[in-house]
C-alpha atoms as a PDB file:
ATOM      1  CA  MET A   1    -100.438-134.396 132.274  1.00  0.00           C
ATOM      2  CA  THR A   2     -96.852-135.463 131.453  1.00  0.00           C
ATOM      3  CA  MET A   3     -95.536-132.798 133.826  1.00  0.00           C
ATOM      4  CA  ASN A   4     -97.478-134.403 136.689  1.00  0.00           C
ATOM      5  CA  LYS A   5     -96.214-137.852 135.684  1.00  0.00           C
ATOM      6  CA  HIS A   6     -92.588-136.655 135.795  1.00  0.00           C
ATOM      7  CA  LEU A   7     -93.194-134.941 139.134  1.00  0.00           C
ATOM      8  CA  VAL A   8     -94.640-138.145 140.616  1.00  0.00           C
ATOM      9  CA  GLN A   9     -91.678-140.185 139.298  1.00  0.00           C
ATOM     10  CA  PHE A  10     -89.269-137.639 140.767  1.00  0.00           C
ATOM     11  CA  ILE A  11     -90.981-137.765 144.171  1.00  0.00           C
ATOM     12  CA  VAL A  12     -91.086-141.586 144.199  1.00  0.00           C
ATOM     13  CA  TYR A  13     -87.404-141.759 143.207  1.00  0.00           C
ATOM     14  CA  GLY A  14     -86.493-139.190 145.885  1.00  0.00           C
ATOM     15  CA  LEU A  15     -88.339-141.129 148.583  1.00  0.00           C
ATOM     16  CA  PHE A  16     -86.627-144.337 147.472  1.00  0.00           C
ATOM     17  CA  VAL A  17     -83.187-142.733 147.716  1.00  0.00           C
ATOM     18  CA  LEU A  18     -83.997-141.291 151.140  1.00  0.00           C
ATOM     19  CA  SER A  19     -85.200-144.666 152.396  1.00  0.00           C
ATOM     20  CA  LEU A  20     -81.926-146.277 151.320  1.00  0.00           C
ATOM     21  CA  SER A  21     -79.785-143.688 153.028  1.00  0.00           C
ATOM     22  CA  GLY A  22     -81.648-144.078 156.314  1.00  0.00           C
ATOM     23  CA  CYS A  23     -80.933-147.799 156.830  1.00  0.00           C
ATOM     24  CA  HIS A  24     -77.470-148.953 155.972  1.00  0.00           C
ATOM     25  CA  GLU A  25     -74.682-150.731 157.748  1.00  0.00           C
ATOM     26  CA  SER A  26     -71.544-148.832 158.452  1.00  0.00           C
ATOM     27  CA  LEU A  27     -68.630-150.406 156.623  1.00  0.00           C
ATOM     28  CA  GLU A  28     -65.644-151.146 158.801  1.00  0.00           C
ATOM     29  CA  PRO A  29     -62.503-152.550 157.239  1.00  0.00           C
ATOM     30  CA  THR A  30     -61.400-155.964 158.450  1.00  0.00           C
ATOM     31  CA  PRO A  31     -57.673-156.115 159.105  1.00  0.00           C
ATOM     32  CA  TYR A  32     -55.728-158.660 157.075  1.00  0.00           C
ATOM     33  CA  VAL A  33     -54.978-161.495 159.491  1.00  0.00           C
ATOM     34  CA  PHE A  34     -53.547-164.330 157.379  1.00  0.00           C
ATOM     35  CA  THR A  35     -49.982-163.083 157.851  1.00  0.00           C
ATOM     36  CA  LYS A  36     -50.405-163.500 161.609  1.00  0.00           C
ATOM     37  CA  TYR A  37     -49.718-167.185 160.967  1.00  0.00           C
ATOM     38  CA  PHE A  38     -46.154-166.075 160.188  1.00  0.00           C
ATOM     39  CA  THR A  39     -45.859-163.364 162.843  1.00  0.00           C
ATOM     40  CA  GLY A  40     -48.314-163.977 165.656  1.00  0.00           C
ATOM     41  CA  GLU A  41     -49.516-160.815 167.402  1.00  0.00           C
ATOM     42  CA  ASN A  42     -45.968-159.430 167.784  1.00  0.00           C
ATOM     43  CA  SER A  43     -43.464-161.999 166.532  1.00  0.00           C
ATOM     44  CA  LYS A  44     -42.967-165.695 165.899  1.00  0.00           C
ATOM     45  CA  THR A  45     -39.710-167.609 165.967  1.00  0.00           C
ATOM     46  CA  TRP A  46     -39.400-170.595 163.650  1.00  0.00           C
ATOM     47  CA  ALA A  47     -36.781-173.346 163.334  1.00  0.00           C
ATOM     48  CA  MET A  48     -35.987-175.281 160.167  1.00  0.00           C
ATOM     49  CA  THR A  49     -36.528-178.991 160.808  1.00  0.00           C
ATOM     50  CA  PHE A  50     -35.729-180.641 157.459  1.00  0.00           C
ATOM     51  CA  VAL A  51     -35.703-180.218 153.687  1.00  0.00           C
ATOM     52  CA  GLU A  52     -37.140-182.405 150.967  1.00  0.00           C
ATOM     53  CA  GLU A  53     -35.931-182.459 147.392  1.00  0.00           C
ATOM     54  CA  THR A  54     -38.702-183.122 144.884  1.00  0.00           C
ATOM     55  CA  GLU A  55     -38.763-184.026 141.239  1.00  0.00           C
ATOM     56  CA  GLY A  56     -41.989-184.121 139.271  1.00  0.00           C
ATOM     57  CA  GLY A  57     -43.918-183.540 142.501  1.00  0.00           C
ATOM     58  CA  LYS A  58     -42.462-186.645 144.183  1.00  0.00           C
ATOM     59  CA  VAL A  59     -40.053-186.558 147.110  1.00  0.00           C
ATOM     60  CA  ILE A  60     -36.682-188.002 146.018  1.00  0.00           C
ATOM     61  CA  ASP A  61     -34.655-187.099 149.123  1.00  0.00           C
ATOM     62  CA  ARG A  62     -35.314-185.933 152.658  1.00  0.00           C
ATOM     63  CA  PHE A  63     -32.561-184.589 154.861  1.00  0.00           C
ATOM     64  CA  PRO A  64     -31.877-182.353 157.837  1.00  0.00           C
ATOM     65  CA  VAL A  65     -29.760-179.315 157.127  1.00  0.00           C
ATOM     66  CA  GLU A  66     -27.495-179.765 160.120  1.00  0.00           C
ATOM     67  CA  CYS A  67     -25.947-176.323 159.954  1.00  0.00           C
ATOM     68  CA  THR A  68     -29.394-174.704 160.359  1.00  0.00           C
ATOM     69  CA  GLN A  69     -30.716-176.846 163.211  1.00  0.00           C
ATOM     70  CA  ASP A  70     -29.868-174.170 165.815  1.00  0.00           C
ATOM     71  CA  ASP A  71     -30.830-171.149 163.662  1.00  0.00           C
ATOM     72  CA  LYS A  72     -33.861-168.996 164.492  1.00  0.00           C
ATOM     73  CA  TYR A  73     -36.066-167.325 161.892  1.00  0.00           C
ATOM     74  CA  ILE A  74     -38.098-164.479 163.393  1.00  0.00           C
ATOM     75  CA  PHE A  75     -41.028-162.761 161.656  1.00  0.00           C
ATOM     76  CA  TYR A  76     -42.243-159.512 163.216  1.00  0.00           C
ATOM     77  CA  ALA A  77     -45.791-158.173 162.891  1.00  0.00           C
ATOM     78  CA  THR A  78     -44.595-154.597 162.442  1.00  0.00           C
ATOM     79  CA  SER A  79     -45.659-152.351 159.577  1.00  0.00           C
ATOM     80  CA  ASP A  80     -42.163-152.583 158.073  1.00  0.00           C
ATOM     81  CA  ARG A  81     -42.350-156.426 158.188  1.00  0.00           C
ATOM     82  CA  LEU A  82     -39.008-156.963 159.838  1.00  0.00           C
ATOM     83  CA  TYR A  83     -37.401-160.394 159.511  1.00  0.00           C
ATOM     84  CA  GLU A  84     -34.319-161.731 161.320  1.00  0.00           C
ATOM     85  CA  VAL A  85     -32.231-164.853 161.044  1.00  0.00           C
ATOM     86  CA  HIS A  86     -30.115-165.662 164.088  1.00  0.00           C
ATOM     87  CA  SER A  87     -27.401-168.128 163.192  1.00  0.00           C
ATOM     88  CA  GLY A  88     -26.640-170.659 165.889  1.00  0.00           C
ATOM     89  CA  ALA A  89     -23.252-172.054 166.858  1.00  0.00           C
ATOM     90  CA  THR A  90     -23.163-174.411 163.860  1.00  0.00           C
ATOM     91  CA  LYS A  91     -22.395-172.419 160.712  1.00  0.00           C
ATOM     92  CA  CYS A  92     -23.255-173.356 157.135  1.00  0.00           C
ATOM     93  CA  TYR A  93     -20.359-171.366 155.703  1.00  0.00           C
ATOM     94  CA  LYS A  94     -17.303-169.551 157.029  1.00  0.00           C
ATOM     95  CA  ASP A  95     -18.492-165.922 156.721  1.00  0.00           C
ATOM     96  CA  GLU A  96     -22.046-166.516 157.930  1.00  0.00           C
ATOM     97  CA  PRO A  97     -23.214-163.501 159.957  1.00  0.00           C
ATOM     98  CA  ALA A  98     -24.518-164.056 163.499  1.00  0.00           C
ATOM     99  CA  THR A  99     -27.661-162.059 162.646  1.00  0.00           C
ATOM    100  CA  LEU A 100     -29.240-161.178 159.320  1.00  0.00           C
ATOM    101  CA  THR A 101     -31.880-158.447 159.346  1.00  0.00           C
ATOM    102  CA  ASP A 102     -34.144-157.861 156.366  1.00  0.00           C
ATOM    103  CA  THR A 103     -37.839-157.607 155.522  1.00  0.00           C
ATOM    104  CA  TRP A 104     -40.369-160.179 154.432  1.00  0.00           C
ATOM    105  CA  SER A 105     -43.250-159.839 151.991  1.00  0.00           C
ATOM    106  CA  PHE A 106     -46.263-161.980 151.256  1.00  0.00           C
ATOM    107  CA  THR A 107     -48.376-162.044 148.098  1.00  0.00           C
ATOM    108  CA  ASN A 108     -51.735-163.624 148.750  1.00  0.00           C
ATOM    109  CA  ALA A 109     -52.664-164.151 145.076  1.00  0.00           C
ATOM    110  CA  SER A 110     -49.739-166.518 144.511  1.00  0.00           C
ATOM    111  CA  ALA A 111     -49.205-167.612 148.150  1.00  0.00           C
ATOM    112  CA  THR A 112     -45.627-166.376 147.864  1.00  0.00           C
ATOM    113  CA  LEU A 113     -43.487-165.505 150.852  1.00  0.00           C
ATOM    114  CA  THR A 114     -40.354-163.625 149.840  1.00  0.00           C
ATOM    115  CA  ILE A 115     -37.485-163.904 152.336  1.00  0.00           C
ATOM    116  CA  ILE A 116     -33.777-164.595 152.591  1.00  0.00           C
ATOM    117  CA  LEU A 117     -32.835-168.103 153.691  1.00  0.00           C
ATOM    118  CA  PRO A 118     -29.050-167.882 154.026  1.00  0.00           C
ATOM    119  CA  VAL A 119     -28.536-171.605 153.471  1.00  0.00           C
ATOM    120  CA  PHE A 120     -29.932-171.137 149.928  1.00  0.00           C
ATOM    121  CA  SER A 121     -29.022-167.573 148.982  1.00  0.00           C
ATOM    122  CA  SER A 122     -28.005-164.166 150.294  1.00  0.00           C
ATOM    123  CA  GLN A 123     -30.796-162.655 148.164  1.00  0.00           C
ATOM    124  CA  ARG A 124     -34.541-162.681 148.730  1.00  0.00           C
ATOM    125  CA  LEU A 125     -36.201-165.660 147.100  1.00  0.00           C
ATOM    126  CA  PRO A 126     -39.895-166.297 146.364  1.00  0.00           C
ATOM    127  CA  PHE A 127     -41.107-169.315 148.331  1.00  0.00           C
ATOM    128  CA  ILE A 128     -44.533-170.841 147.732  1.00  0.00           C
ATOM    129  CA  VAL A 129     -46.340-171.330 151.039  1.00  0.00           C
ATOM    130  CA  ARG A 130     -47.459-174.974 150.926  1.00  0.00           C
ATOM    131  CA  LYS A 131     -48.741-175.055 154.498  1.00  0.00           C
ATOM    132  CA  VAL A 132     -48.962-172.629 157.379  1.00  0.00           C
ATOM    133  CA  ASP A 133     -50.808-172.879 160.660  1.00  0.00           C
ATOM    134  CA  GLU A 134     -50.122-171.908 164.259  1.00  0.00           C
ATOM    135  CA  ASN A 135     -47.248-174.418 164.623  1.00  0.00           C
ATOM    136  CA  ASP A 136     -45.988-175.478 161.192  1.00  0.00           C
ATOM    137  CA  LEU A 137     -44.724-173.754 158.073  1.00  0.00           C
ATOM    138  CA  THR A 138     -43.819-175.441 154.791  1.00  0.00           C
ATOM    139  CA  LEU A 139     -42.228-173.451 151.972  1.00  0.00           C
ATOM    140  CA  GLU A 140     -41.279-174.580 148.482  1.00  0.00           C
ATOM    141  CA  PHE A 141     -38.701-173.134 146.127  1.00  0.00           C
ATOM    142  CA  PHE A 142     -38.536-174.290 142.512  1.00  0.00           C
ATOM    143  CA  LEU A 143     -35.107-174.833 140.999  1.00  0.00           C
ATOM    144  CA  ASP A 144     -36.124-174.830 137.338  1.00  0.00           C
ATOM    145  CA  GLN A 145     -38.350-172.789 135.038  1.00  0.00           C
ATOM    146  CA  GLU A 146     -40.640-175.742 134.377  1.00  0.00           C
ATOM    147  CA  GLY A 147     -41.489-176.120 138.068  1.00  0.00           C
ATOM    148  CA  THR A 148     -40.517-179.781 138.176  1.00  0.00           C
ATOM    149  CA  THR A 149     -37.643-179.729 140.695  1.00  0.00           C
ATOM    150  CA  SER A 150     -37.869-178.090 144.071  1.00  0.00           C
ATOM    151  CA  TYR A 151     -36.848-177.914 147.688  1.00  0.00           C
ATOM    152  CA  ARG A 152     -39.557-178.045 150.346  1.00  0.00           C
ATOM    153  CA  ILE A 153     -38.423-176.502 153.592  1.00  0.00           C
ATOM    154  CA  TYR A 154     -40.191-177.463 156.809  1.00  0.00           C
ATOM    155  CA  PHE A 155     -40.268-175.248 159.899  1.00  0.00           C
ATOM    156  CA  GLU A 156     -41.767-175.624 163.340  1.00  0.00           C
ATOM    157  CA  LEU A 157     -42.767-172.934 165.800  1.00  0.00           C
ATOM    158  CA  LYS A 158     -40.255-172.343 168.590  1.00  0.00           C
ATOM    159  CA  ASP A 159     -41.600-169.217 170.288  1.00  0.00           C
ATOM    160  CA  GLU A 160     -44.388-166.664 169.980  1.00  0.00           C
ATOM    161  CA  GLU A 161     -44.746-163.231 171.544  1.00  0.00           C
END
């Protein structure tokens, strides 16, 4: 009698497994699209509009960075995540290159965009993305370990391809 019971359980289990395999959705990966806010479909060109200095989360100064007003920051939607900075006629420092070419990276878990902003450093820096949409980008860079003093850098969209 126990042999028949095991056989019935085996048949019921087998039919259950077969019924599951017959009706399932095919899984198709969804491409990651958040970074298209930075890049658009092919590329986006941004311009720095102003910078705020904060202390303890409060804005203590707001100023344009005049030497960057004619610079262009271009993010490409390529697999190698190309990034270019085209320096305009007004230079921030004497040896500023006309074009800087590098790569950008974005970490979703910490909302961190890592890029070079020549006015701050010649090295890649981790910027917290405070806001990004089709037309505006706000980045923040902390100046101390405690996270109490920062620069917030505001950009606006200039061109999209």
